[in-house]
Amino acid sequence: MIDDIADSGGLTLAEKHVRLSKWRQMLQSAAPDEPPLAGDVRRLIGKYSLPVSMFEEIIAGVEMDLSTRRYATFEELRVYCYRVASAVGLVSIEIFGYRNPGCNSMRSSWGWPCK
């Protein structure tokens, strides 16, 4: 849903920023006009003690799509990849589980494999 906002051809750039900002707020508390998925996400955050910061990283990565098409350095690309891919994986392993405690260390430095 977050990525759909950034990819939407029917929204202006300003509307995309507003909707992504609303998602940041909905991670913390309910909004009167929120989509049903927002409540589901908050329940998952509570159930699995997921760090809201990981969801904020995902939103920040999607926001990068709004202004950047190419990255000048590998470090810039690394940040983008971490936000739009690794952060999703880190949230997923908390929900689905993992055996290797090193998997969770990706929050501070990324590397694989995790089983």
PDB file of N, CA and C in Angstrom:
ATOM      1  N   MET A   1       0.824  -1.186   0.000  1.00  0.00           N
ATOM      2  CA  MET A   1       0.000   0.000   0.000  1.00  0.00           C
ATOM      3  C   MET A   1       0.875   1.259   0.000  1.00  0.00           C
ATOM      4  N   ILE A   2       1.953   1.259   0.773  1.00  0.00           N
ATOM      5  CA  ILE A   2       2.840   2.420   0.831  1.00  0.00           C
ATOM      6  C   ILE A   2       3.487   2.644  -0.532  1.00  0.00           C
ATOM      7  N   ASP A   3       3.981   1.562  -1.120  1.00  0.00           N
ATOM      8  CA  ASP A   3       4.627   1.679  -2.425  1.00  0.00           C
ATOM      9  C   ASP A   3       3.629   2.118  -3.495  1.00  0.00           C
ATOM     10  N   ASP A   4       2.382   1.692  -3.364  1.00  0.00           N
ATOM     11  CA  ASP A   4       1.351   2.095  -4.323  1.00  0.00           C
ATOM     12  C   ASP A   4       1.140   3.607  -4.315  1.00  0.00           C
ATOM     13  N   ILE A   5       1.298   4.224  -3.156  1.00  0.00           N
ATOM     14  CA  ILE A   5       1.159   5.683  -3.076  1.00  0.00           C
ATOM     15  C   ILE A   5       2.224   6.345  -3.933  1.00  0.00           C
ATOM     16  N   ALA A   6       3.459   5.926  -3.759  1.00  0.00           N
ATOM     17  CA  ALA A   6       4.566   6.534  -4.517  1.00  0.00           C
ATOM     18  C   ALA A   6       4.448   6.264  -6.007  1.00  0.00           C
ATOM     19  N   ASP A   7       3.943   5.091  -6.364  1.00  0.00           N
ATOM     20  CA  ASP A   7       3.861   4.708  -7.779  1.00  0.00           C
ATOM     21  C   ASP A   7       2.614   5.223  -8.485  1.00  0.00           C
ATOM     22  N   SER A   8       1.679   5.789  -7.735  1.00  0.00           N
ATOM     23  CA  SER A   8       0.406   6.204  -8.314  1.00  0.00           C
ATOM     24  C   SER A   8       0.572   7.326  -9.339  1.00  0.00           C
ATOM     25  N   GLY A   9      -0.007   7.098 -10.500  1.00  0.00           N
ATOM     26  CA  GLY A   9      -0.018   8.130 -11.530  1.00  0.00           C
ATOM     27  C   GLY A   9      -1.160   9.114 -11.335  1.00  0.00           C
ATOM     28  N   GLY A  10      -2.072   8.792 -10.441  1.00  0.00           N
ATOM     29  CA  GLY A  10      -3.236   9.643 -10.214  1.00  0.00           C
ATOM     30  C   GLY A  10      -3.082  10.631  -9.073  1.00  0.00           C
ATOM     31  N   LEU A  11      -1.919  10.660  -8.451  1.00  0.00           N
ATOM     32  CA  LEU A  11      -1.684  11.581  -7.339  1.00  0.00           C
ATOM     33  C   LEU A  11      -0.575  12.561  -7.700  1.00  0.00           C
ATOM     34  N   THR A  12      -0.713  13.784  -7.222  1.00  0.00           N
ATOM     35  CA  THR A  12       0.372  14.752  -7.410  1.00  0.00           C
ATOM     36  C   THR A  12       1.488  14.423  -6.417  1.00  0.00           C
ATOM     37  N   LEU A  13       2.642  15.001  -6.633  1.00  0.00           N
ATOM     38  CA  LEU A  13       3.764  14.808  -5.722  1.00  0.00           C
ATOM     39  C   LEU A  13       3.390  15.251  -4.310  1.00  0.00           C
ATOM     40  N   ALA A  14       2.715  16.378  -4.204  1.00  0.00           N
ATOM     41  CA  ALA A  14       2.293  16.881  -2.891  1.00  0.00           C
ATOM     42  C   ALA A  14       1.323  15.911  -2.213  1.00  0.00           C
ATOM     43  N   GLU A  15       0.370  15.355  -2.970  1.00  0.00           N
ATOM     44  CA  GLU A  15      -0.573  14.396  -2.404  1.00  0.00           C
ATOM     45  C   GLU A  15       0.137  13.133  -1.908  1.00  0.00           C
ATOM     46  N   LYS A  16       1.139  12.708  -2.649  1.00  0.00           N
ATOM     47  CA  LYS A  16       1.911  11.530  -2.240  1.00  0.00           C
ATOM     48  C   LYS A  16       2.611  11.795  -0.911  1.00  0.00           C
ATOM     49  N   HIS A  17       3.227  12.959  -0.787  1.00  0.00           N
ATOM     50  CA  HIS A  17       3.908  13.300   0.470  1.00  0.00           C
ATOM     51  C   HIS A  17       2.919  13.350   1.635  1.00  0.00           C
ATOM     52  N   VAL A  18       1.748  13.909   1.403  1.00  0.00           N
ATOM     53  CA  VAL A  18       0.736  13.993   2.455  1.00  0.00           C
ATOM     54  C   VAL A  18       0.292  12.596   2.873  1.00  0.00           C
ATOM     55  N   ARG A  19       0.042  11.720   1.927  1.00  0.00           N
ATOM     56  CA  ARG A  19      -0.420  10.368   2.263  1.00  0.00           C
ATOM     57  C   ARG A  19       0.653   9.567   2.989  1.00  0.00           C
ATOM     58  N   LEU A  20       1.892   9.722   2.573  1.00  0.00           N
ATOM     59  CA  LEU A  20       2.967   9.015   3.274  1.00  0.00           C
ATOM     60  C   LEU A  20       3.146   9.553   4.686  1.00  0.00           C
ATOM     61  N   SER A  21       2.978  10.841   4.843  1.00  0.00           N
ATOM     62  CA  SER A  21       3.039  11.446   6.172  1.00  0.00           C
ATOM     63  C   SER A  21       1.911  10.920   7.057  1.00  0.00           C
ATOM     64  N   LYS A  22       0.738  10.760   6.486  1.00  0.00           N
ATOM     65  CA  LYS A  22      -0.396  10.208   7.240  1.00  0.00           C
ATOM     66  C   LYS A  22      -0.092   8.780   7.701  1.00  0.00           C
ATOM     67  N   TRP A  23       0.583   8.018   6.850  1.00  0.00           N
ATOM     68  CA  TRP A  23       0.942   6.655   7.246  1.00  0.00           C
ATOM     69  C   TRP A  23       1.896   6.673   8.434  1.00  0.00           C
ATOM     70  N   ARG A  24       2.820   7.602   8.453  1.00  0.00           N
ATOM     71  CA  ARG A  24       3.717   7.719   9.614  1.00  0.00           C
ATOM     72  C   ARG A  24       2.896   7.939  10.890  1.00  0.00           C
ATOM     73  N   GLN A  25       1.902   8.801  10.794  1.00  0.00           N
ATOM     74  CA  GLN A  25       1.052   9.085  11.948  1.00  0.00           C
ATOM     75  C   GLN A  25       0.216   7.866  12.327  1.00  0.00           C
ATOM     76  N   MET A  26      -0.289   7.156  11.317  1.00  0.00           N
ATOM     77  CA  MET A  26      -1.144   5.999  11.583  1.00  0.00           C
ATOM     78  C   MET A  26      -0.370   4.839  12.203  1.00  0.00           C
ATOM     79  N   LEU A  27       0.945   4.827  12.064  1.00  0.00           N
ATOM     80  CA  LEU A  27       1.737   3.800  12.736  1.00  0.00           C
ATOM     81  C   LEU A  27       1.623   3.950  14.251  1.00  0.00           C
ATOM     82  N   GLN A  28       1.416   5.173  14.696  1.00  0.00           N
ATOM     83  CA  GLN A  28       1.378   5.482  16.124  1.00  0.00           C
ATOM     84  C   GLN A  28      -0.034   5.427  16.710  1.00  0.00           C
ATOM     85  N   SER A  29      -1.007   5.929  15.955  1.00  0.00           N
ATOM     86  CA  SER A  29      -2.371   5.983  16.481  1.00  0.00           C
ATOM     87  C   SER A  29      -3.389   6.036  15.349  1.00  0.00           C
ATOM     88  N   ALA A  30      -4.615   5.691  15.677  1.00  0.00           N
ATOM     89  CA  ALA A  30      -5.689   5.631  14.688  1.00  0.00           C
ATOM     90  C   ALA A  30      -6.045   7.023  14.179  1.00  0.00           C
ATOM     91  N   ALA A  31      -6.439   7.056  12.927  1.00  0.00           N
ATOM     92  CA  ALA A  31      -6.923   8.282  12.289  1.00  0.00           C
ATOM     93  C   ALA A  31      -8.349   8.027  11.828  1.00  0.00           C
ATOM     94  N   PRO A  32      -9.193   9.062  11.825  1.00  0.00           N
ATOM     95  CA  PRO A  32     -10.603   8.849  11.488  1.00  0.00           C
ATOM     96  C   PRO A  32     -10.850   8.288  10.093  1.00  0.00           C
ATOM     97  N   ASP A  33     -10.016   8.631   9.132  1.00  0.00           N
ATOM     98  CA  ASP A  33     -10.251   8.197   7.749  1.00  0.00           C
ATOM     99  C   ASP A  33      -9.233   7.166   7.274  1.00  0.00           C
ATOM    100  N   GLU A  34      -8.648   6.428   8.211  1.00  0.00           N
ATOM    101  CA  GLU A  34      -7.573   5.508   7.840  1.00  0.00           C
ATOM    102  C   GLU A  34      -8.088   4.263   7.140  1.00  0.00           C
ATOM    103  N   PRO A  35      -7.256   3.669   6.283  1.00  0.00           N
ATOM    104  CA  PRO A  35      -7.628   2.402   5.668  1.00  0.00           C
ATOM    105  C   PRO A  35      -7.588   1.286   6.719  1.00  0.00           C
ATOM    106  N   PRO A  36      -8.359   0.227   6.533  1.00  0.00           N
ATOM    107  CA  PRO A  36      -8.377  -0.874   7.500  1.00  0.00           C
ATOM    108  C   PRO A  36      -6.989  -1.475   7.753  1.00  0.00           C
ATOM    109  N   LEU A  37      -6.132  -1.448   6.760  1.00  0.00           N
ATOM    110  CA  LEU A  37      -4.794  -2.009   6.898  1.00  0.00           C
ATOM    111  C   LEU A  37      -3.987  -1.318   8.002  1.00  0.00           C
ATOM    112  N   ALA A  38      -4.242  -0.056   8.241  1.00  0.00           N
ATOM    113  CA  ALA A  38      -3.488   0.677   9.263  1.00  0.00           C
ATOM    114  C   ALA A  38      -3.696   0.059  10.644  1.00  0.00           C
ATOM    115  N   GLY A  39      -4.919  -0.286  10.972  1.00  0.00           N
ATOM    116  CA  GLY A  39      -5.191  -0.941  12.250  1.00  0.00           C
ATOM    117  C   GLY A  39      -4.521  -2.304  12.334  1.00  0.00           C
ATOM    118  N   ASP A  40      -4.523  -3.035  11.216  1.00  0.00           N
ATOM    119  CA  ASP A  40      -3.859  -4.342  11.177  1.00  0.00           C
ATOM    120  C   ASP A  40      -2.359  -4.194  11.428  1.00  0.00           C
ATOM    121  N   VAL A  41      -1.762  -3.175  10.836  1.00  0.00           N
ATOM    122  CA  VAL A  41      -0.326  -2.941  11.019  1.00  0.00           C
ATOM    123  C   VAL A  41      -0.037  -2.612  12.481  1.00  0.00           C
ATOM    124  N   ARG A  42      -0.827  -1.756  13.084  1.00  0.00           N
ATOM    125  CA  ARG A  42      -0.616  -1.420  14.502  1.00  0.00           C
ATOM    126  C   ARG A  42      -0.754  -2.652  15.394  1.00  0.00           C
ATOM    127  N   ARG A  43      -1.715  -3.524  15.069  1.00  0.00           N
ATOM    128  CA  ARG A  43      -1.875  -4.756  15.859  1.00  0.00           C
ATOM    129  C   ARG A  43      -0.639  -5.649  15.724  1.00  0.00           C
ATOM    130  N   LEU A  44      -0.091  -5.752  14.521  1.00  0.00           N
ATOM    131  CA  LEU A  44       1.146  -6.530  14.321  1.00  0.00           C
ATOM    132  C   LEU A  44       2.309  -5.914  15.099  1.00  0.00           C
ATOM    133  N   ILE A  45       2.397  -4.597  15.069  1.00  0.00           N
ATOM    134  CA  ILE A  45       3.456  -3.911  15.815  1.00  0.00           C
ATOM    135  C   ILE A  45       3.368  -4.268  17.291  1.00  0.00           C
ATOM    136  N   GLY A  46       2.160  -4.253  17.829  1.00  0.00           N
ATOM    137  CA  GLY A  46       1.970  -4.600  19.236  1.00  0.00           C
ATOM    138  C   GLY A  46       2.200  -6.072  19.523  1.00  0.00           C
ATOM    139  N   LYS A  47       1.645  -6.934  18.709  1.00  0.00           N
ATOM    140  CA  LYS A  47       1.729  -8.377  18.929  1.00  0.00           C
ATOM    141  C   LYS A  47       3.175  -8.876  18.909  1.00  0.00           C
ATOM    142  N   TYR A  48       3.967  -8.370  17.961  1.00  0.00           N
ATOM    143  CA  TYR A  48       5.338  -8.861  17.786  1.00  0.00           C
ATOM    144  C   TYR A  48       6.391  -7.887  18.320  1.00  0.00           C
ATOM    145  N   SER A  49       5.959  -6.851  18.999  1.00  0.00           N
ATOM    146  CA  SER A  49       6.881  -5.827  19.529  1.00  0.00           C
ATOM    147  C   SER A  49       7.818  -5.311  18.433  1.00  0.00           C
ATOM    148  N   LEU A  50       7.222  -5.007  17.293  1.00  0.00           N
ATOM    149  CA  LEU A  50       7.998  -4.523  16.150  1.00  0.00           C
ATOM    150  C   LEU A  50       8.371  -3.066  16.355  1.00  0.00           C
ATOM    151  N   PRO A  51       9.598  -2.707  16.026  1.00  0.00           N
ATOM    152  CA  PRO A  51       9.979  -1.300  16.156  1.00  0.00           C
ATOM    153  C   PRO A  51       9.314  -0.454  15.063  1.00  0.00           C
ATOM    154  N   VAL A  52       8.596   0.548  15.474  1.00  0.00           N
ATOM    155  CA  VAL A  52       7.949   1.456  14.523  1.00  0.00           C
ATOM    156  C   VAL A  52       8.993   2.068  13.598  1.00  0.00           C
ATOM    157  N   SER A  53      10.198   2.235  14.096  1.00  0.00           N
ATOM    158  CA  SER A  53      11.269   2.835  13.285  1.00  0.00           C
ATOM    159  C   SER A  53      11.535   2.048  12.005  1.00  0.00           C
ATOM    160  N   MET A  54      11.319   0.733  12.020  1.00  0.00           N
ATOM    161  CA  MET A  54      11.538  -0.048  10.799  1.00  0.00           C
ATOM    162  C   MET A  54      10.482   0.292   9.749  1.00  0.00           C
ATOM    163  N   PHE A  55       9.262   0.502  10.180  1.00  0.00           N
ATOM    164  CA  PHE A  55       8.212   0.906   9.239  1.00  0.00           C
ATOM    165  C   PHE A  55       8.479   2.321   8.724  1.00  0.00           C
ATOM    166  N   GLU A  56       9.005   3.165   9.584  1.00  0.00           N
ATOM    167  CA  GLU A  56       9.362   4.524   9.163  1.00  0.00           C
ATOM    168  C   GLU A  56      10.496   4.491   8.137  1.00  0.00           C
ATOM    169  N   GLU A  57      11.416   3.536   8.280  1.00  0.00           N
ATOM    170  CA  GLU A  57      12.484   3.372   7.281  1.00  0.00           C
ATOM    171  C   GLU A  57      11.889   2.993   5.926  1.00  0.00           C
ATOM    172  N   ILE A  58      10.912   2.104   5.946  1.00  0.00           N
ATOM    173  CA  ILE A  58      10.264   1.692   4.694  1.00  0.00           C
ATOM    174  C   ILE A  58       9.595   2.895   4.039  1.00  0.00           C
ATOM    175  N   ILE A  59       8.894   3.688   4.814  1.00  0.00           N
ATOM    176  CA  ILE A  59       8.247   4.891   4.275  1.00  0.00           C
ATOM    177  C   ILE A  59       9.304   5.846   3.724  1.00  0.00           C
ATOM    178  N   ALA A  60      10.399   6.016   4.439  1.00  0.00           N
ATOM    179  CA  ALA A  60      11.478   6.905   3.969  1.00  0.00           C
ATOM    180  C   ALA A  60      12.050   6.403   2.647  1.00  0.00           C
ATOM    181  N   GLY A  61      12.160   5.098   2.493  1.00  0.00           N
ATOM    182  CA  GLY A  61      12.649   4.540   1.231  1.00  0.00           C
ATOM    183  C   GLY A  61      11.692   4.813   0.084  1.00  0.00           C
ATOM    184  N   VAL A  62      10.407   4.652   0.349  1.00  0.00           N
ATOM    185  CA  VAL A  62       9.396   4.943  -0.670  1.00  0.00           C
ATOM    186  C   VAL A  62       9.446   6.430  -1.042  1.00  0.00           C
ATOM    187  N   GLU A  63       9.646   7.279  -0.041  1.00  0.00           N
ATOM    188  CA  GLU A  63       9.759   8.719  -0.317  1.00  0.00           C
ATOM    189  C   GLU A  63      10.958   9.022  -1.214  1.00  0.00           C
ATOM    190  N   MET A  64      12.003   8.230  -1.092  1.00  0.00           N
ATOM    191  CA  MET A  64      13.173   8.431  -1.955  1.00  0.00           C
ATOM    192  C   MET A  64      12.792   8.245  -3.423  1.00  0.00           C
ATOM    193  N   ASP A  65      11.819   7.382  -3.683  1.00  0.00           N
ATOM    194  CA  ASP A  65      11.349   7.182  -5.055  1.00  0.00           C
ATOM    195  C   ASP A  65      10.716   8.443  -5.637  1.00  0.00           C
ATOM    196  N   LEU A  66      10.258   9.331  -4.773  1.00  0.00           N
ATOM    197  CA  LEU A  66       9.576  10.534  -5.246  1.00  0.00           C
ATOM    198  C   LEU A  66      10.540  11.584  -5.781  1.00  0.00           C
ATOM    199  N   SER A  67      11.799  11.490  -5.391  1.00  0.00           N
ATOM    200  CA  SER A  67      12.725  12.550  -5.799  1.00  0.00           C
ATOM    201  C   SER A  67      13.991  12.061  -6.498  1.00  0.00           C
ATOM    202  N   THR A  68      14.303  10.788  -6.381  1.00  0.00           N
ATOM    203  CA  THR A  68      15.564  10.302  -6.925  1.00  0.00           C
ATOM    204  C   THR A  68      15.323   9.175  -7.907  1.00  0.00           C
ATOM    205  N   ARG A  69      15.939   9.268  -9.046  1.00  0.00           N
ATOM    206  CA  ARG A  69      15.861   8.207 -10.046  1.00  0.00           C
ATOM    207  C   ARG A  69      17.174   7.433 -10.136  1.00  0.00           C
ATOM    208  N   ARG A  70      18.279   8.133  -9.860  1.00  0.00           N
ATOM    209  CA  ARG A  70      19.610   7.520  -9.907  1.00  0.00           C
ATOM    210  C   ARG A  70      20.399   8.000  -8.698  1.00  0.00           C
ATOM    211  N   TYR A  71      21.276   7.159  -8.235  1.00  0.00           N
ATOM    212  CA  TYR A  71      22.091   7.501  -7.075  1.00  0.00           C
ATOM    213  C   TYR A  71      23.529   7.728  -7.509  1.00  0.00           C
ATOM    214  N   ALA A  72      24.105   8.802  -6.990  1.00  0.00           N
ATOM    215  CA  ALA A  72      25.455   9.206  -7.398  1.00  0.00           C
ATOM    216  C   ALA A  72      26.528   8.308  -6.791  1.00  0.00           C
ATOM    217  N   THR A  73      26.254   7.737  -5.619  1.00  0.00           N
ATOM    218  CA  THR A  73      27.258   6.914  -4.950  1.00  0.00           C
ATOM    219  C   THR A  73      26.644   5.590  -4.513  1.00  0.00           C
ATOM    220  N   PHE A  74      27.522   4.633  -4.276  1.00  0.00           N
ATOM    221  CA  PHE A  74      27.043   3.351  -3.781  1.00  0.00           C
ATOM    222  C   PHE A  74      26.412   3.517  -2.398  1.00  0.00           C
ATOM    223  N   GLU A  75      26.945   4.389  -1.575  1.00  0.00           N
ATOM    224  CA  GLU A  75      26.395   4.604  -0.235  1.00  0.00           C
ATOM    225  C   GLU A  75      24.943   5.081  -0.308  1.00  0.00           C
ATOM    226  N   GLU A  76      24.640   5.996  -1.225  1.00  0.00           N
ATOM    227  CA  GLU A  76      23.260   6.454  -1.399  1.00  0.00           C
ATOM    228  C   GLU A  76      22.365   5.284  -1.831  1.00  0.00           C
ATOM    229  N   LEU A  77      22.861   4.471  -2.739  1.00  0.00           N
ATOM    230  CA  LEU A  77      22.105   3.304  -3.200  1.00  0.00           C
ATOM    231  C   LEU A  77      21.923   2.307  -2.066  1.00  0.00           C
ATOM    232  N   ARG A  78      22.955   2.117  -1.242  1.00  0.00           N
ATOM    233  CA  ARG A  78      22.878   1.199  -0.111  1.00  0.00           C
ATOM    234  C   ARG A  78      21.771   1.617   0.860  1.00  0.00           C
ATOM    235  N   VAL A  79      21.685   2.912   1.151  1.00  0.00           N
ATOM    236  CA  VAL A  79      20.643   3.417   2.044  1.00  0.00           C
ATOM    237  C   VAL A  79      19.264   3.129   1.454  1.00  0.00           C
ATOM    238  N   TYR A  80      19.114   3.390   0.172  1.00  0.00           N
ATOM    239  CA  TYR A  80      17.836   3.128  -0.490  1.00  0.00           C
ATOM    240  C   TYR A  80      17.483   1.638  -0.399  1.00  0.00           C
ATOM    241  N   CYS A  81      18.419   0.784  -0.720  1.00  0.00           N
ATOM    242  CA  CYS A  81      18.161  -0.664  -0.683  1.00  0.00           C
ATOM    243  C   CYS A  81      17.822  -1.131   0.725  1.00  0.00           C
ATOM    244  N   TYR A  82      18.515  -0.608   1.708  1.00  0.00           N
ATOM    245  CA  TYR A  82      18.219  -0.963   3.092  1.00  0.00           C
ATOM    246  C   TYR A  82      16.777  -0.606   3.431  1.00  0.00           C
ATOM    247  N   ARG A  83      16.376   0.586   3.038  1.00  0.00           N
ATOM    248  CA  ARG A  83      15.034   1.055   3.403  1.00  0.00           C
ATOM    249  C   ARG A  83      13.930   0.295   2.692  1.00  0.00           C
ATOM    250  N   VAL A  84      14.077   0.041   1.402  1.00  0.00           N
ATOM    251  CA  VAL A  84      12.970  -0.563   0.654  1.00  0.00           C
ATOM    252  C   VAL A  84      13.016  -2.091   0.614  1.00  0.00           C
ATOM    253  N   ALA A  85      14.123  -2.686   1.015  1.00  0.00           N
ATOM    254  CA  ALA A  85      14.211  -4.141   0.975  1.00  0.00           C
ATOM    255  C   ALA A  85      14.593  -4.736   2.325  1.00  0.00           C
ATOM    256  N   SER A  86      15.719  -4.331   2.858  1.00  0.00           N
ATOM    257  CA  SER A  86      16.182  -4.931   4.111  1.00  0.00           C
ATOM    258  C   SER A  86      15.226  -4.658   5.261  1.00  0.00           C
ATOM    259  N   ALA A  87      14.698  -3.458   5.345  1.00  0.00           N
ATOM    260  CA  ALA A  87      13.764  -3.139   6.429  1.00  0.00           C
ATOM    261  C   ALA A  87      12.526  -4.029   6.351  1.00  0.00           C
ATOM    262  N   VAL A  88      12.071  -4.310   5.153  1.00  0.00           N
ATOM    263  CA  VAL A  88      10.933  -5.214   4.974  1.00  0.00           C
ATOM    264  C   VAL A  88      11.303  -6.603   5.495  1.00  0.00           C
ATOM    265  N   GLY A  89      12.499  -7.059   5.167  1.00  0.00           N
ATOM    266  CA  GLY A  89      12.960  -8.361   5.647  1.00  0.00           C
ATOM    267  C   GLY A  89      13.086  -8.410   7.156  1.00  0.00           C
ATOM    268  N   LEU A  90      13.593  -7.340   7.748  1.00  0.00           N
ATOM    269  CA  LEU A  90      13.751  -7.301   9.206  1.00  0.00           C
ATOM    270  C   LEU A  90      12.405  -7.351   9.923  1.00  0.00           C
ATOM    271  N   VAL A  91      11.426  -6.670   9.377  1.00  0.00           N
ATOM    272  CA  VAL A  91      10.079  -6.748   9.952  1.00  0.00           C
ATOM    273  C   VAL A  91       9.542  -8.171   9.778  1.00  0.00           C
ATOM    274  N   SER A  92       9.750  -8.740   8.606  1.00  0.00           N
ATOM    275  CA  SER A  92       9.230 -10.085   8.310  1.00  0.00           C
ATOM    276  C   SER A  92       9.816 -11.150   9.220  1.00  0.00           C
ATOM    277  N   ILE A  93      11.128 -11.080   9.494  1.00  0.00           N
ATOM    278  CA  ILE A  93      11.712 -12.138  10.325  1.00  0.00           C
ATOM    279  C   ILE A  93      11.185 -12.079  11.759  1.00  0.00           C
ATOM    280  N   GLU A  94      10.796 -10.905  12.204  1.00  0.00           N
ATOM    281  CA  GLU A  94      10.216 -10.806  13.544  1.00  0.00           C
ATOM    282  C   GLU A  94       8.844 -11.462  13.602  1.00  0.00           C
ATOM    283  N   ILE A  95       8.137 -11.434  12.487  1.00  0.00           N
ATOM    284  CA  ILE A  95       6.805 -12.053  12.428  1.00  0.00           C
ATOM    285  C   ILE A  95       6.915 -13.555  12.178  1.00  0.00           C
ATOM    286  N   PHE A  96       7.742 -13.947  11.206  1.00  0.00           N
ATOM    287  CA  PHE A  96       7.821 -15.352  10.813  1.00  0.00           C
ATOM    288  C   PHE A  96       8.840 -16.145  11.613  1.00  0.00           C
ATOM    289  N   GLY A  97       9.752 -15.451  12.280  1.00  0.00           N
ATOM    290  CA  GLY A  97      10.732 -16.116  13.118  1.00  0.00           C
ATOM    291  C   GLY A  97      12.038 -16.396  12.390  1.00  0.00           C
ATOM    292  N   TYR A  98      13.061 -16.667  13.193  1.00  0.00           N
ATOM    293  CA  TYR A  98      14.389 -17.007  12.684  1.00  0.00           C
ATOM    294  C   TYR A  98      15.149 -17.741  13.773  1.00  0.00           C
ATOM    295  N   ARG A  99      16.118 -18.549  13.373  1.00  0.00           N
ATOM    296  CA  ARG A  99      16.916 -19.315  14.328  1.00  0.00           C
ATOM    297  C   ARG A  99      18.259 -18.664  14.622  1.00  0.00           C
ATOM    298  N   ASN A 100      18.805 -17.966  13.659  1.00  0.00           N
ATOM    299  CA  ASN A 100      20.130 -17.373  13.796  1.00  0.00           C
ATOM    300  C   ASN A 100      20.005 -15.989  14.435  1.00  0.00           C
ATOM    301  N   PRO A 101      20.508 -15.803  15.675  1.00  0.00           N
ATOM    302  CA  PRO A 101      20.379 -14.498  16.325  1.00  0.00           C
ATOM    303  C   PRO A 101      21.099 -13.387  15.570  1.00  0.00           C
ATOM    304  N   GLY A 102      22.043 -13.728  14.722  1.00  0.00           N
ATOM    305  CA  GLY A 102      22.748 -12.733  13.924  1.00  0.00           C
ATOM    306  C   GLY A 102      21.859 -12.060  12.894  1.00  0.00           C
ATOM    307  N   CYS A 103      20.751 -12.691  12.562  1.00  0.00           N
ATOM    308  CA  CYS A 103      19.830 -12.100  11.578  1.00  0.00           C
ATOM    309  C   CYS A 103      19.346 -10.735  12.031  1.00  0.00           C
ATOM    310  N   ASN A 104      19.075 -10.624  13.300  1.00  0.00           N
ATOM    311  CA  ASN A 104      18.530  -9.387  13.832  1.00  0.00           C
ATOM    312  C   ASN A 104      19.580  -8.282  13.914  1.00  0.00           C
ATOM    313  N   SER A 105      20.831  -8.621  13.791  1.00  0.00           N
ATOM    314  CA  SER A 105      21.884  -7.610  13.870  1.00  0.00           C
ATOM    315  C   SER A 105      21.922  -6.717  12.641  1.00  0.00           C
ATOM    316  N   MET A 106      21.116  -7.039  11.644  1.00  0.00           N
ATOM    317  CA  MET A 106      21.098  -6.225  10.425  1.00  0.00           C
ATOM    318  C   MET A 106      20.626  -4.806  10.677  1.00  0.00           C
ATOM    319  N   ARG A 107      19.965  -4.561  11.789  1.00  0.00           N
ATOM    320  CA  ARG A 107      19.510  -3.202  12.060  1.00  0.00           C
ATOM    321  C   ARG A 107      20.688  -2.242  12.109  1.00  0.00           C
ATOM    322  N   SER A 108      21.843  -2.717  12.553  1.00  0.00           N
ATOM    323  CA  SER A 108      22.998  -1.829  12.650  1.00  0.00           C
ATOM    324  C   SER A 108      23.998  -2.064  11.523  1.00  0.00           C
ATOM    325  N   SER A 109      24.004  -3.230  10.939  1.00  0.00           N
ATOM    326  CA  SER A 109      24.894  -3.491   9.804  1.00  0.00           C
ATOM    327  C   SER A 109      24.270  -4.586   8.974  1.00  0.00           C
ATOM    328  N   TRP A 110      24.195  -4.377   7.671  1.00  0.00           N
ATOM    329  CA  TRP A 110      23.495  -5.417   6.962  1.00  0.00           C
ATOM    330  C   TRP A 110      24.376  -6.435   6.303  1.00  0.00           C
ATOM    331  N   GLY A 111      23.865  -7.640   6.399  1.00  0.00           N
ATOM    332  CA  GLY A 111      24.533  -8.790   5.832  1.00  0.00           C
ATOM    333  C   GLY A 111      23.615  -9.990   5.904  1.00  0.00           C
ATOM    334  N   TRP A 112      23.801 -10.929   5.035  1.00  0.00           N
ATOM    335  CA  TRP A 112      23.028 -12.164   5.008  1.00  0.00           C
ATOM    336  C   TRP A 112      23.999 -13.302   5.127  1.00  0.00           C
ATOM    337  N   PRO A 113      23.683 -14.518   5.203  1.00  0.00           N
ATOM    338  CA  PRO A 113      22.346 -15.100   5.117  1.00  0.00           C
ATOM    339  C   PRO A 113      21.718 -15.262   6.489  1.00  0.00           C
ATOM    340  N   CYS A 114      20.429 -15.292   6.518  1.00  0.00           N
ATOM    341  CA  CYS A 114      19.682 -15.525   7.750  1.00  0.00           C
ATOM    342  C   CYS A 114      18.756 -16.693   7.524  1.00  0.00           C
ATOM    343  N   LYS A 115      18.735 -17.603   8.466  1.00  0.00           N
ATOM    344  CA  LYS A 115      17.866 -18.789   8.354  1.00  0.00           C
ATOM    345  C   LYS A 115      17.008 -18.902   9.569  1.00  0.00           C
TER     346      LYS A 115
END
